[in-house]
């Protein structure tokens, strides 16, 4: 068979399957999904042969499915209790019809050669929204399969809310996204990938969040994945907006809904960061947004397909570097001299900030036993990179006097070296720019020998109050990677966070840095606390004053000996009396749903 004849037969087959499908199953009929699946199989036969079609069918009928992890099992139970029922969706439709504010939401989708069944599922997920004031803006980036354009055209002909643009040349995802964006007329734009789906209550929940607050410019939600076997799992429950976390990874991701005028003002999607174009856009829009709102509900499902980042980040190494460039550009816009490095795994980044020359640093070491503290002090002094100019060692072991030298002061404590009043007095007698608090039985780990720079470069930022590092036990397991303040469950190790720089409720005094002016601005440690809770109380007062508490895993220290001391009961009661019922009583950076699928392991390694 000649190439010309083969091309003619393929074209005839495509026209026949398209005509038959359109007549037997018009777009809005119940028969449409089944007929379109048959059409998808026929398309594979025509374009790739019977062997490829049989492989696709076998994969669909018997996808490789591994036993679900416990988190996914718990999440599916969560879905049974929280996914809206058909009746609840009808109530949502009735409710939002009565809203005074019903903005048009433009759902923007770049399209390039997706599986036809998944493309249909994506479009039907928009059409089934409980909030009906939407438009669907699709731009085909010159897909090789003609069935894509045929299907898009059918949808546009059947529903006036569907707009399409058929690009004449392939321009990659950023260009296609801008083409789709140019079709948008809504006050807000939502971004959707061509093989993912919106949950049916997605736009309802977003517009519900906008009611009565005209300053909201960006809304984002929780998300999950449609796994290879078709089940939903790998849920990502998120906390409130955290600009430091966004610099570390695109945790905002989907569903993101942005005010269109701001998207236009920042220039839309940028070329050169393809694969991380969404991250780049959210970084730029967040810089000019008045308010950013998180909706604690799963409104978006990624689909795991071969070659997609939803299945495996390493499938797209170029996207990792593109994301680094996006973060690097954001840092350079915001902080002259700052830069972004690649993080420990794909999709993670490290924001690095310049340290002003001449910054004076004092380290206060809270000791108890002289021999252990001597080992710790020696290790700190041998570490690479930046070092404190002055050391203050406080404790109650007479052997500590042997550690005194021209750069090290020894202060003998009558009681605990962690006493809030004692620490305040030590700071009052010091004139340094930056304070570092350290446990006397901790040493820098081998992989983080330059332990001080990561904390100092965060602490010198004027928006930051306190910075904490990662504390690991003798066995290397995490004791503290930020602290979570939860009014119902008390104070816990942060747990389960990605190993990246991010904001937290509090950090431990065992590895803490802060500017002296920030310490003084909130009055230092509260003297009501004798031996514990004053570090957490300080962090909450810093947040109340508008200063962030930041956790960095790049500053990592390890115990020299087993250590497990409970917080003093009197201090806990004092803390509860001071903070219960306040906005700070609940951790904004941890989802209220997280413990329902992966309960925290409660550990208490705070000094007593």
Protein backbone atom coordinates (compact mmCIF):
# COMPACT_ATOMS: atom_id res chain seq x y z
CA UNK A 1 0.00 0.00 0.00
CA UNK A 2 1.41 3.40 -0.95
CA UNK A 3 1.77 6.23 1.56
CA UNK A 4 -0.84 8.21 -0.34
CA UNK A 5 -3.37 5.37 -0.20
CA UNK A 6 -2.63 4.76 3.47
CA UNK A 7 -3.20 8.43 4.28
CA UNK A 8 -6.49 8.46 2.34
CA UNK A 9 -7.76 5.35 4.17
CA UNK A 10 -6.85 6.81 7.55
CA UNK A 11 -8.63 10.03 6.70
CA UNK A 12 -11.73 8.09 5.59
CA UNK A 13 -11.69 6.03 8.78
CA UNK A 14 -11.45 9.15 10.91
CA UNK A 15 -14.39 10.76 9.12
CA UNK A 16 -16.51 7.62 9.41
CA UNK A 17 -15.84 7.13 13.14
CA UNK A 18 -16.47 10.81 13.79
CA UNK A 19 -19.76 10.82 11.88
CA UNK A 20 -21.01 7.57 13.45
CA UNK A 21 -20.14 8.76 16.96
CA UNK A 22 -21.84 12.12 16.44
CA UNK A 23 -25.07 10.51 15.13
CA UNK A 24 -25.28 7.64 17.62
CA UNK A 25 -24.22 9.66 20.66
CA UNK A 26 -24.69 13.41 20.50
CA UNK A 27 -22.45 15.34 22.90
CA UNK A 28 -24.85 15.66 25.83
CA UNK A 29 -26.43 12.18 25.72
CA UNK A 30 -25.79 9.40 28.22
CA UNK A 31 -24.43 7.20 25.40
CA UNK A 32 -21.67 9.68 24.62
CA UNK A 33 -18.96 8.47 27.03
CA UNK A 34 -19.15 4.82 25.88
CA UNK A 35 -19.24 5.74 22.18
CA UNK A 36 -16.34 8.12 22.64
CA UNK A 37 -14.30 5.38 24.29
CA UNK A 38 -15.01 3.19 21.25
CA UNK A 39 -13.98 6.07 19.05
CA UNK A 40 -10.76 6.45 21.03
CA UNK A 41 -9.93 2.77 20.44
CA UNK A 42 -10.71 3.16 16.74
CA UNK A 43 -8.41 6.16 16.59
CA UNK A 44 -5.56 4.09 18.03
CA UNK A 45 -6.23 1.31 15.48
CA UNK A 46 -6.09 3.81 12.62
CA UNK A 47 -3.01 5.67 13.82
CA UNK A 48 -0.99 2.99 15.63
CA UNK A 49 -2.37 -0.40 14.55
CA UNK A 50 -4.35 -3.23 16.15
CA UNK A 51 -1.46 -4.27 18.40
CA UNK A 52 -1.31 -0.87 20.10
CA UNK A 53 -5.09 -0.82 20.52
CA UNK A 54 -5.09 -4.27 22.15
CA UNK A 55 -2.34 -3.13 24.56
CA UNK A 56 -4.37 -0.06 25.52
CA UNK A 57 -7.50 -2.14 26.16
CA UNK A 58 -5.56 -4.68 28.24
CA UNK A 59 -4.04 -1.86 30.28
CA UNK A 60 -7.46 -0.35 30.92
CA UNK A 61 -9.02 -3.67 31.89
CA UNK A 62 -6.11 -4.89 34.01
CA UNK A 63 -4.00 -1.93 35.09
CA UNK A 64 -1.02 -2.72 37.33
CA UNK A 65 -2.25 -2.05 40.84
CA UNK A 66 -0.15 -2.35 43.98
CA UNK A 67 -1.76 -2.65 47.42
CA UNK A 68 -2.74 0.85 48.55
CA UNK A 69 -0.70 2.38 51.38
CA UNK A 70 -2.47 2.98 54.70
CA UNK A 71 -2.68 6.72 53.99
CA UNK A 72 -4.67 6.10 50.80
CA UNK A 73 -7.01 3.70 52.61
CA UNK A 74 -7.68 6.33 55.27
CA UNK A 75 -8.10 8.98 52.58
CA UNK A 76 -10.74 6.96 50.78
CA UNK A 77 -12.62 6.72 54.04
CA UNK A 78 -12.28 10.50 54.33
CA UNK A 79 -13.78 10.83 50.85
CA UNK A 80 -16.79 8.74 51.84
CA UNK A 81 -17.51 11.24 54.61
CA UNK A 82 -16.60 14.49 52.84
CA UNK A 83 -17.16 14.13 49.10
CA UNK A 84 -20.46 15.86 48.31
CA UNK A 85 -23.40 13.64 47.41
CA UNK A 86 -25.71 14.25 44.47
CA UNK A 87 -28.21 15.84 46.84
CA UNK A 88 -25.60 18.14 48.31
CA UNK A 89 -24.51 19.18 44.83
CA UNK A 90 -28.11 20.11 44.02
CA UNK A 91 -28.19 22.21 47.19
CA UNK A 92 -24.97 23.93 46.09
CA UNK A 93 -26.52 24.77 42.72
CA UNK A 94 -29.56 26.25 44.44
CA UNK A 95 -27.41 28.18 46.93
CA UNK A 96 -25.04 29.77 44.47
CA UNK A 97 -27.90 30.87 42.24
CA UNK A 98 -28.90 33.19 45.10
CA UNK A 99 -25.41 34.66 45.63
CA UNK A 100 -25.19 38.38 44.92
CA UNK A 101 -21.64 37.96 43.66
CA UNK A 102 -21.33 35.39 40.87
CA UNK A 103 -18.16 36.17 38.90
CA UNK A 104 -17.42 34.48 35.62
CA UNK A 105 -14.59 31.94 36.03
CA UNK A 106 -12.56 31.11 32.94
CA UNK A 107 -11.10 27.60 33.06
CA UNK A 108 -7.91 27.74 30.98
CA UNK A 109 -6.58 24.51 29.45
CA UNK A 110 -3.59 24.01 27.11
CA UNK A 111 -4.13 20.84 25.06
CA UNK A 112 -1.57 18.63 23.34
CA UNK A 113 -2.39 15.15 22.10
CA UNK A 114 -4.02 13.71 25.25
CA UNK A 115 -5.72 10.35 25.50
CA UNK A 116 -9.20 11.01 24.09
CA UNK A 117 -11.04 9.43 27.01
CA UNK A 118 -9.10 11.57 29.48
CA UNK A 119 -9.70 14.70 27.42
CA UNK A 120 -13.44 13.98 27.50
CA UNK A 121 -13.29 13.34 31.27
CA UNK A 122 -11.56 16.69 31.77
CA UNK A 123 -14.15 18.60 29.75
CA UNK A 124 -17.08 16.80 31.37
CA UNK A 125 -15.67 17.61 34.80
CA UNK A 126 -16.04 21.28 33.93
CA UNK A 127 -19.48 20.86 32.41
CA UNK A 128 -20.73 19.12 35.57
CA UNK A 129 -19.74 21.95 37.93
CA UNK A 130 -22.29 22.90 40.59
CA UNK A 131 -21.38 26.54 39.89
CA UNK A 132 -22.51 27.21 36.34
CA UNK A 133 -21.05 30.66 35.60
CA UNK A 134 -17.92 29.40 33.88
CA UNK A 135 -16.34 29.30 30.47
CA UNK A 136 -13.89 26.70 29.22
CA UNK A 137 -10.97 28.11 27.20
CA UNK A 138 -8.97 25.46 25.35
CA UNK A 139 -5.97 25.92 23.06
CA UNK A 140 -4.77 22.97 21.00
CA UNK A 141 -1.01 23.18 20.49
CA UNK A 142 -1.08 21.48 17.07
CA UNK A 143 -1.76 17.97 18.34
CA UNK A 144 -0.62 15.26 15.88
CA UNK A 145 -3.91 13.41 16.28
CA UNK A 146 -6.68 15.14 14.30
CA UNK A 147 -9.27 13.63 16.65
CA UNK A 148 -8.28 16.17 19.30
CA UNK A 149 -9.34 19.14 17.19
CA UNK A 150 -12.46 17.36 16.01
CA UNK A 151 -13.54 16.73 19.58
CA UNK A 152 -12.77 20.28 20.71
CA UNK A 153 -14.76 21.64 17.80
CA UNK A 154 -17.72 19.41 18.67
CA UNK A 155 -17.74 20.69 22.23
CA UNK A 156 -17.47 24.31 21.15
CA UNK A 157 -20.37 23.83 18.72
CA UNK A 158 -22.52 22.19 21.39
CA UNK A 159 -21.90 24.62 24.29
CA UNK A 160 -21.40 28.37 23.89
CA UNK A 161 -19.37 28.41 27.11
CA UNK A 162 -16.63 26.36 25.42
CA UNK A 163 -14.09 28.43 23.49
CA UNK A 164 -11.29 26.96 21.44
CA UNK A 165 -8.16 28.17 19.72
CA UNK A 166 -6.40 25.92 17.21
CA UNK A 167 -2.76 26.92 17.05
CA UNK A 168 -1.00 26.73 13.69
CA UNK A 169 2.34 25.79 15.18
CA UNK A 170 3.50 23.97 18.27
CA UNK A 171 4.77 26.43 20.86
CA UNK A 172 5.06 24.32 24.03
CA UNK A 173 2.93 24.58 27.13
CA UNK A 174 3.57 28.21 28.10
CA UNK A 175 2.67 29.48 24.63
CA UNK A 176 -0.41 27.25 24.45
CA UNK A 177 -1.49 28.40 27.91
CA UNK A 178 -1.20 32.03 26.83
CA UNK A 179 -3.29 31.28 23.74
CA UNK A 180 -5.99 29.75 25.94
CA UNK A 181 -5.67 32.65 28.37
CA UNK A 182 -6.29 35.12 25.56
CA UNK A 183 -9.76 33.59 25.11
CA UNK A 184 -10.68 34.24 28.75
CA UNK A 185 -13.15 36.96 29.70
CA UNK A 186 -13.80 35.93 33.30
CA UNK A 187 -12.95 38.00 36.33
CA UNK A 188 -11.01 34.98 37.57
CA UNK A 189 -9.08 32.29 35.71
CA UNK A 190 -8.64 28.69 36.84
CA UNK A 191 -5.93 26.46 35.39
CA UNK A 192 -6.55 22.85 34.44
CA UNK A 193 -4.39 20.27 32.64
CA UNK A 194 -5.86 18.43 29.68
CA UNK A 195 -5.91 15.01 31.41
CA UNK A 196 -6.89 16.08 34.95
CA UNK A 197 -10.34 16.71 36.41
CA UNK A 198 -12.10 19.20 38.64
CA UNK A 199 -14.27 17.81 41.39
CA UNK A 200 -17.93 18.80 40.78
CA UNK A 201 -18.02 21.27 43.68
CA UNK A 202 -14.70 22.92 42.83
CA UNK A 203 -15.85 26.25 41.42
CA UNK A 204 -18.68 26.48 43.94
CA UNK A 205 -16.23 26.25 46.83
CA UNK A 206 -13.87 28.78 45.23
CA UNK A 207 -16.55 31.38 44.56
CA UNK A 208 -18.01 30.71 48.00
CA UNK A 209 -14.62 31.76 49.43
CA UNK A 210 -14.79 34.99 47.45
CA UNK A 211 -18.13 36.05 48.91
CA UNK A 212 -17.86 39.26 50.91
CA UNK A 213 -14.11 39.73 50.40
CA UNK A 214 -13.21 41.76 47.36
CA UNK A 215 -9.51 41.79 48.24
CA UNK A 216 -8.93 38.12 47.48
CA UNK A 217 -6.80 37.78 44.36
CA UNK A 218 -5.73 34.14 44.52
CA UNK A 219 -7.51 31.04 45.79
CA UNK A 220 -5.94 27.60 46.00
CA UNK A 221 -7.22 24.25 47.22
CA UNK A 222 -6.18 20.77 48.28
CA UNK A 223 -5.67 18.10 45.62
CA UNK A 224 -5.27 14.38 45.07
CA UNK A 225 -4.29 12.03 42.26
CA UNK A 226 -6.17 9.58 40.06
CA UNK A 227 -3.81 6.63 40.36
CA UNK A 228 -2.89 4.30 37.51
CA UNK A 229 -5.57 1.83 38.63
CA UNK A 230 -8.27 4.52 38.63
CA UNK A 231 -8.56 4.94 42.41
CA UNK A 232 -7.97 8.27 44.10
CA UNK A 233 -5.04 8.67 46.48
CA UNK A 234 -1.87 10.58 47.36
CA UNK A 235 -3.94 13.44 48.73
CA UNK A 236 -2.18 16.74 49.38
CA UNK A 237 -3.85 18.52 52.27
CA UNK A 238 -2.33 22.00 52.51
CA UNK A 239 -2.03 24.77 55.05
CA UNK A 240 -2.56 28.49 54.60
CA UNK A 241 -0.44 30.46 52.16
CA UNK A 242 3.28 30.33 52.97
CA UNK A 243 5.53 32.39 50.66
CA UNK A 244 8.67 30.63 51.89
CA UNK A 245 7.18 27.22 51.20
CA UNK A 246 6.16 28.41 47.72
CA UNK A 247 9.77 29.37 47.03
CA UNK A 248 10.78 25.85 48.10
CA UNK A 249 8.21 23.98 45.98
CA UNK A 250 5.02 24.64 44.05
CA UNK A 251 2.79 23.43 46.86
CA UNK A 252 -0.02 25.81 45.76
CA UNK A 253 -0.23 24.03 42.41
CA UNK A 254 -3.83 22.96 41.64
CA UNK A 255 -6.52 24.08 41.96
CA UNK A 256 -5.29 27.67 41.55
CA UNK A 257 -7.77 30.43 40.71
CA UNK A 258 -6.30 33.88 40.05
CA UNK A 259 -7.75 37.32 39.36
CA UNK A 260 -7.40 37.71 35.59
CA UNK A 261 -6.35 41.36 35.61
CA UNK A 262 -3.35 40.45 37.79
CA UNK A 263 -2.39 37.56 35.50
CA UNK A 264 -2.51 40.00 32.59
CA UNK A 265 -0.60 42.67 34.54
CA UNK A 266 2.34 40.35 35.24
CA UNK A 267 2.50 39.24 31.59
CA UNK A 268 0.79 35.86 31.70
CA UNK A 269 2.87 32.71 31.28
CA UNK A 270 6.56 33.18 30.54
CA UNK A 271 8.52 31.23 27.96
CA UNK A 272 11.74 29.67 29.17
CA UNK A 273 10.20 28.04 32.23
CA UNK A 274 8.09 25.44 30.42
CA UNK A 275 7.22 22.61 32.75
CA UNK A 276 7.18 25.00 35.71
CA UNK A 277 5.15 27.76 34.09
CA UNK A 278 2.38 27.47 36.70
CA UNK A 279 4.87 27.83 39.57
CA UNK A 280 6.43 30.85 37.90
CA UNK A 281 3.05 32.52 37.35
CA UNK A 282 1.86 31.97 40.93
CA UNK A 283 5.15 33.35 42.26
CA UNK A 284 4.71 36.53 40.22
CA UNK A 285 0.99 36.97 40.96
CA UNK A 286 1.50 36.33 44.68
CA UNK A 287 3.89 39.29 44.77
CA UNK A 288 1.12 41.70 43.76
CA UNK A 289 -1.89 40.00 45.40
CA UNK A 290 -3.74 41.74 48.20
CA UNK A 291 -5.03 38.55 49.81
CA UNK A 292 -4.52 34.84 49.17
CA UNK A 293 -7.06 32.32 50.40
CA UNK A 294 -6.76 28.56 50.89
CA UNK A 295 -9.86 26.36 50.62
CA UNK A 296 -9.36 23.28 52.80
CA UNK A 297 -11.11 20.87 50.45
CA UNK A 298 -9.97 18.50 47.70
CA UNK A 299 -11.12 20.20 44.50
CA UNK A 300 -8.69 18.91 41.87
CA UNK A 301 -7.43 15.49 40.80
CA UNK A 302 -4.18 15.01 38.88
CA UNK A 303 -4.07 11.97 36.63
CA UNK A 304 -1.09 9.67 36.81
CA UNK A 305 -0.06 8.91 33.24
CA UNK A 306 3.29 7.64 31.93
CA UNK A 307 5.67 10.58 31.48
CA UNK A 308 3.72 12.90 33.76
CA UNK A 309 5.04 14.68 36.84
CA UNK A 310 1.98 13.38 38.71
CA UNK A 311 3.39 9.86 38.36
CA UNK A 312 7.08 10.55 38.80
CA UNK A 313 8.89 13.89 39.09
CA UNK A 314 12.05 12.43 37.57
CA UNK A 315 10.17 11.98 34.31
CA UNK A 316 10.67 15.70 33.66
CA UNK A 317 14.19 16.73 34.75
CA UNK A 318 14.02 19.86 32.59
CA UNK A 319 11.04 21.03 34.63
CA UNK A 320 13.15 20.84 37.80
CA UNK A 321 15.70 23.25 36.33
CA UNK A 322 12.92 25.44 34.92
CA UNK A 323 11.43 25.63 38.41
CA UNK A 324 14.80 26.64 39.83
CA UNK A 325 15.01 29.48 37.31
CA UNK A 326 11.49 30.60 38.23
CA UNK A 327 12.37 30.67 41.94
CA UNK A 328 15.73 32.29 41.23
CA UNK A 329 14.01 35.08 39.29
CA UNK A 330 11.51 35.59 42.12
CA UNK A 331 14.29 35.83 44.69
CA UNK A 332 16.25 38.33 42.62
CA UNK A 333 13.14 40.48 42.24
CA UNK A 334 12.52 40.48 45.98
CA UNK A 335 16.00 40.31 47.56
CA UNK A 336 19.06 41.64 45.71
CA UNK A 337 21.83 39.09 45.98
CA UNK A 338 19.53 36.14 46.74
CA UNK A 339 19.58 33.00 44.63
CA UNK A 340 17.91 29.60 44.25
CA UNK A 341 19.68 26.25 44.34
CA UNK A 342 18.25 22.87 43.42
CA UNK A 343 16.81 21.04 46.42
CA UNK A 344 17.30 17.46 47.57
CA UNK A 345 14.86 15.99 45.03
CA UNK A 346 13.02 17.04 41.85
CA UNK A 347 10.58 19.88 42.37
CA UNK A 348 12.29 21.14 45.54
CA UNK A 349 14.42 24.30 45.76
CA UNK A 350 16.58 26.11 48.29
CA UNK A 351 16.30 29.87 48.69
CA UNK A 352 19.64 31.40 49.71
CA UNK A 353 19.92 34.96 51.00
CA UNK A 354 22.98 37.21 51.36
CA UNK A 355 24.33 37.82 54.86
CA UNK A 356 25.33 41.45 55.51
CA UNK A 357 29.02 41.88 56.11
CA UNK A 358 30.05 42.61 59.66
CA UNK A 359 27.01 41.02 61.32
CA UNK A 360 27.89 40.25 64.95
CA UNK A 361 26.67 36.89 66.26
CA UNK A 362 26.53 35.62 69.82
CA UNK A 363 25.73 31.98 70.57
CA UNK A 364 24.20 31.07 73.93
CA UNK A 365 24.81 27.43 74.82
CA UNK A 366 22.48 25.96 77.47
CA UNK A 367 24.61 23.36 79.20
CA UNK A 368 24.15 20.95 82.05
CA UNK A 369 27.06 18.46 82.02
CA UNK A 370 30.55 19.86 81.37
CA UNK A 371 32.13 17.00 79.43
CA UNK A 372 29.28 16.78 76.91
CA UNK A 373 29.17 20.55 76.45
CA UNK A 374 32.92 20.62 75.87
CA UNK A 375 32.51 18.12 73.01
CA UNK A 376 29.64 20.16 71.58
CA UNK A 377 31.52 23.47 71.78
CA UNK A 378 34.57 21.92 70.14
CA UNK A 379 32.43 20.56 67.29
CA UNK A 380 30.76 23.93 66.72
CA UNK A 381 34.14 25.64 66.56
CA UNK A 382 35.54 23.07 64.11
CA UNK A 383 32.56 23.40 61.78
CA UNK A 384 33.01 25.05 58.42
CA UNK A 385 31.64 28.41 57.35
CA UNK A 386 30.28 31.19 59.50
CA UNK A 387 30.92 31.08 63.26
CA UNK A 388 29.75 33.20 66.21
CA UNK A 389 32.19 35.84 67.42
CA UNK A 390 31.15 35.30 71.04
CA UNK A 391 30.00 32.28 73.03
CA UNK A 392 28.09 32.33 76.29
CA UNK A 393 27.90 28.98 78.06
CA UNK A 394 25.43 28.82 80.91
CA UNK A 395 24.92 25.85 83.20
CA UNK A 396 25.27 24.52 86.72
CA UNK A 397 28.26 22.15 86.41
CA UNK A 398 31.40 23.61 88.01
CA UNK A 399 33.47 21.89 85.33
CA UNK A 400 32.19 24.40 82.77
CA UNK A 401 34.70 26.95 84.11
CA UNK A 402 37.39 25.07 82.23
CA UNK A 403 35.81 26.10 78.94
CA UNK A 404 36.40 29.82 79.53
CA UNK A 405 38.62 31.62 76.98
CA UNK A 406 38.79 35.10 75.34
CA UNK A 407 35.73 34.36 73.15
CA UNK A 408 33.77 32.28 75.65
CA UNK A 409 32.01 33.52 78.77
CA UNK A 410 30.84 31.06 81.41
CA UNK A 411 27.72 31.84 83.44
CA UNK A 412 26.90 29.55 86.33
CA UNK A 413 23.15 28.97 86.62
CA UNK A 414 21.49 28.34 89.97
CA UNK A 415 18.82 26.19 88.36
CA UNK A 416 18.06 25.24 84.76
CA UNK A 417 20.13 26.83 82.02
CA UNK A 418 16.85 27.12 80.08
CA UNK A 419 15.27 29.51 82.57
CA UNK A 420 13.57 32.39 80.72
CA UNK A 421 14.72 35.06 83.16
CA UNK A 422 18.33 33.88 82.97
CA UNK A 423 18.33 33.93 79.17
CA UNK A 424 16.80 37.41 79.08
CA UNK A 425 19.51 38.68 81.41
CA UNK A 426 22.22 37.16 79.22
CA UNK A 427 20.81 38.85 76.14
CA UNK A 428 20.47 42.19 77.96
CA UNK A 429 24.22 42.17 78.67
CA UNK A 430 25.08 41.44 75.02
CA UNK A 431 25.31 43.92 72.13
CA UNK A 432 25.39 41.57 69.13
CA UNK A 433 23.18 41.86 66.03
CA UNK A 434 22.05 38.27 66.02
CA UNK A 435 21.41 35.69 68.74
CA UNK A 436 21.77 31.92 68.43
CA UNK A 437 20.41 29.56 71.10
CA UNK A 438 21.86 26.04 71.25
CA UNK A 439 21.46 22.96 73.38
CA UNK A 440 24.68 21.93 75.10
CA UNK A 441 24.50 18.31 73.95
CA UNK A 442 24.10 18.98 70.22
CA UNK A 443 26.71 18.95 67.43
CA UNK A 444 26.50 19.75 63.69
CA UNK A 445 25.89 16.68 61.56
CA UNK A 446 28.44 15.68 58.92
CA UNK A 447 26.11 16.51 56.04
CA UNK A 448 25.39 19.96 57.50
CA UNK A 449 28.83 20.96 58.75
CA UNK A 450 28.18 24.60 57.75
CA UNK A 451 25.24 24.69 60.15
CA UNK A 452 25.11 28.39 60.97
CA UNK A 453 24.75 30.12 57.57
CA UNK A 454 21.35 28.57 56.75
CA UNK A 455 19.87 29.97 59.97
CA UNK A 456 21.58 33.35 59.80
CA UNK A 457 20.64 34.03 56.18
CA UNK A 458 17.00 33.51 57.10
CA UNK A 459 17.19 35.40 60.40
CA UNK A 460 18.63 38.58 58.85
CA UNK A 461 15.49 39.01 56.73
CA UNK A 462 13.35 41.81 58.16
CA UNK A 463 10.16 39.78 57.70
CA UNK A 464 11.48 36.94 59.87
CA UNK A 465 11.36 36.77 63.66
CA UNK A 466 12.88 33.40 64.58
CA UNK A 467 14.58 30.60 62.64
CA UNK A 468 14.99 27.00 63.72
CA UNK A 469 17.01 24.10 62.42
CA UNK A 470 16.51 20.36 62.39
CA UNK A 471 17.35 18.47 65.57
CA UNK A 472 17.95 14.73 65.25
CA UNK A 473 18.48 12.15 67.96
CA UNK A 474 21.43 9.89 68.58
CA UNK A 475 19.97 7.42 66.07
CA UNK A 476 19.48 10.10 63.40
CA UNK A 477 15.68 10.23 63.63
CA UNK A 478 14.02 13.64 63.68
CA UNK A 479 13.25 15.09 67.10
CA UNK A 480 12.31 18.58 65.91
CA UNK A 481 11.69 19.81 62.38
CA UNK A 482 9.61 22.77 63.38
CA UNK A 483 6.91 22.71 66.04
CA UNK A 484 3.17 22.53 65.50
CA UNK A 485 0.93 24.33 67.95
CA UNK A 486 -2.45 22.63 67.95
CA UNK A 487 -5.03 23.73 70.50
CA UNK A 488 -6.59 20.26 70.63
CA UNK A 489 -3.45 18.14 70.67
CA UNK A 490 -0.88 20.40 72.33
CA UNK A 491 2.58 21.05 70.90
CA UNK A 492 4.07 18.50 68.52
CA UNK A 493 7.02 17.99 66.30
CA UNK A 494 6.15 19.45 62.88
CA UNK A 495 6.36 16.01 61.26
CA UNK A 496 5.49 15.01 57.70
CA UNK A 497 6.64 18.25 56.11
CA UNK A 498 8.85 18.16 53.03
CA UNK A 499 12.54 18.71 53.85
CA UNK A 500 12.49 22.32 52.67
CA UNK A 501 12.51 25.84 54.07
CA UNK A 502 9.04 26.82 55.25
CA UNK A 503 7.10 28.68 57.92
CA UNK A 504 6.03 26.95 61.10
CA UNK A 505 4.20 27.82 64.30
CA UNK A 506 7.33 27.63 66.41
CA UNK A 507 10.89 26.34 66.61
CA UNK A 508 12.82 24.90 69.51
CA UNK A 509 15.21 26.92 71.67
CA UNK A 510 17.62 24.01 71.22
CA UNK A 511 18.53 25.34 67.74
CA UNK A 512 17.18 28.86 67.22
CA UNK A 513 18.44 32.12 65.69
CA UNK A 514 16.92 35.61 65.65
CA UNK A 515 17.81 39.24 65.19
CA UNK A 516 18.34 41.09 68.44
CA UNK A 517 15.88 43.80 67.36
CA UNK A 518 13.16 41.18 66.83
CA UNK A 519 13.86 39.65 70.24
CA UNK A 520 13.62 43.08 71.90
CA UNK A 521 10.55 44.11 69.90
CA UNK A 522 8.40 41.47 71.63
CA UNK A 523 10.06 41.79 75.02
CA UNK A 524 12.23 38.68 74.83
CA UNK A 525 11.23 35.49 76.61
CA UNK A 526 8.26 35.71 78.96
CA UNK A 527 9.68 35.43 82.50
CA UNK A 528 6.59 33.58 83.68
CA UNK A 529 7.99 30.41 82.11
CA UNK A 530 10.60 28.75 84.23
CA UNK A 531 12.13 26.00 82.10
CA UNK A 532 9.96 25.38 79.03
CA UNK A 533 7.32 26.75 76.63
CA UNK A 534 9.02 30.17 76.50
CA UNK A 535 10.49 29.40 73.06
CA UNK A 536 7.06 28.53 71.67
CA UNK A 537 5.46 31.51 73.40
CA UNK A 538 8.11 33.78 71.87
CA UNK A 539 7.41 32.46 68.36
CA UNK A 540 3.67 33.03 68.73
CA UNK A 541 4.27 36.59 69.93
CA UNK A 542 6.55 37.17 66.94
CA UNK A 543 3.79 35.95 64.61
CA UNK A 544 1.30 38.23 66.34
CA UNK A 545 3.74 41.09 65.67
CA UNK A 546 3.81 40.21 61.96
CA UNK A 547 7.13 38.35 61.96
CA UNK A 548 7.47 34.85 60.56
CA UNK A 549 9.00 31.80 62.22
CA UNK A 550 10.97 29.83 59.64
CA UNK A 551 12.25 26.27 59.70
CA UNK A 552 15.30 25.28 57.64
CA UNK A 553 16.47 21.66 57.36
CA UNK A 554 19.85 22.94 56.13
CA UNK A 555 20.85 23.65 59.72
CA UNK A 556 20.96 20.21 61.26
CA UNK A 557 22.33 19.25 64.66
CA UNK A 558 22.43 15.88 66.40
CA UNK A 559 22.26 14.72 70.01
CA UNK A 560 25.38 13.38 71.67
CA UNK A 561 23.29 11.45 74.19
CA UNK A 562 19.70 10.25 74.57
CA UNK A 563 17.46 13.09 75.68
CA UNK A 564 13.81 13.03 76.59
CA UNK A 565 12.49 15.51 79.11
CA UNK A 566 8.83 16.45 79.46
CA UNK A 567 7.76 20.07 79.56
CA UNK A 568 7.02 21.42 83.01
CA UNK A 569 3.35 21.10 83.92
CA UNK A 570 3.21 24.61 85.39
CA UNK A 571 4.66 26.07 82.18
CA UNK A 572 2.14 24.18 80.05
CA UNK A 573 -0.75 25.52 82.13
CA UNK A 574 0.68 29.05 81.88
CA UNK A 575 0.98 28.68 78.12
CA UNK A 576 -2.58 27.43 77.76
CA UNK A 577 -3.94 30.28 79.86
CA UNK A 578 -2.08 32.81 77.70
CA UNK A 579 -2.98 31.45 74.25
CA UNK A 580 -6.12 29.31 74.34
CA UNK A 581 -8.82 30.79 72.13
CA UNK A 582 -6.48 33.16 70.27
CA UNK A 583 -5.85 32.96 66.49
CA UNK A 584 -2.36 31.67 67.27
CA UNK A 585 -3.82 28.66 69.12
CA UNK A 586 -4.24 26.83 65.79
CA UNK A 587 -1.34 26.16 63.42
CA UNK A 588 -2.15 27.88 60.10
CA UNK A 589 0.48 25.95 58.17
CA UNK A 590 -0.88 22.46 58.78
CA UNK A 591 -4.17 21.24 57.30
CA UNK A 592 -6.92 20.42 59.77
CA UNK A 593 -7.53 17.25 57.72
CA UNK A 594 -3.97 15.92 57.82
CA UNK A 595 -4.28 13.97 61.04
CA UNK A 596 -7.30 12.12 59.64
CA UNK A 597 -5.10 10.22 57.18
CA UNK A 598 -1.64 10.32 58.78
CA UNK A 599 -1.72 10.97 62.52
CA UNK A 600 1.27 12.76 63.98
CA UNK A 601 3.65 10.83 66.19
CA UNK A 602 3.73 12.88 69.38
CA UNK A 603 7.22 13.30 70.71
CA UNK A 604 8.37 15.66 73.43
CA UNK A 605 12.07 16.44 73.29
CA UNK A 606 11.89 19.94 74.71
CA UNK A 607 14.25 20.92 77.49
CA UNK A 608 12.89 20.63 81.01
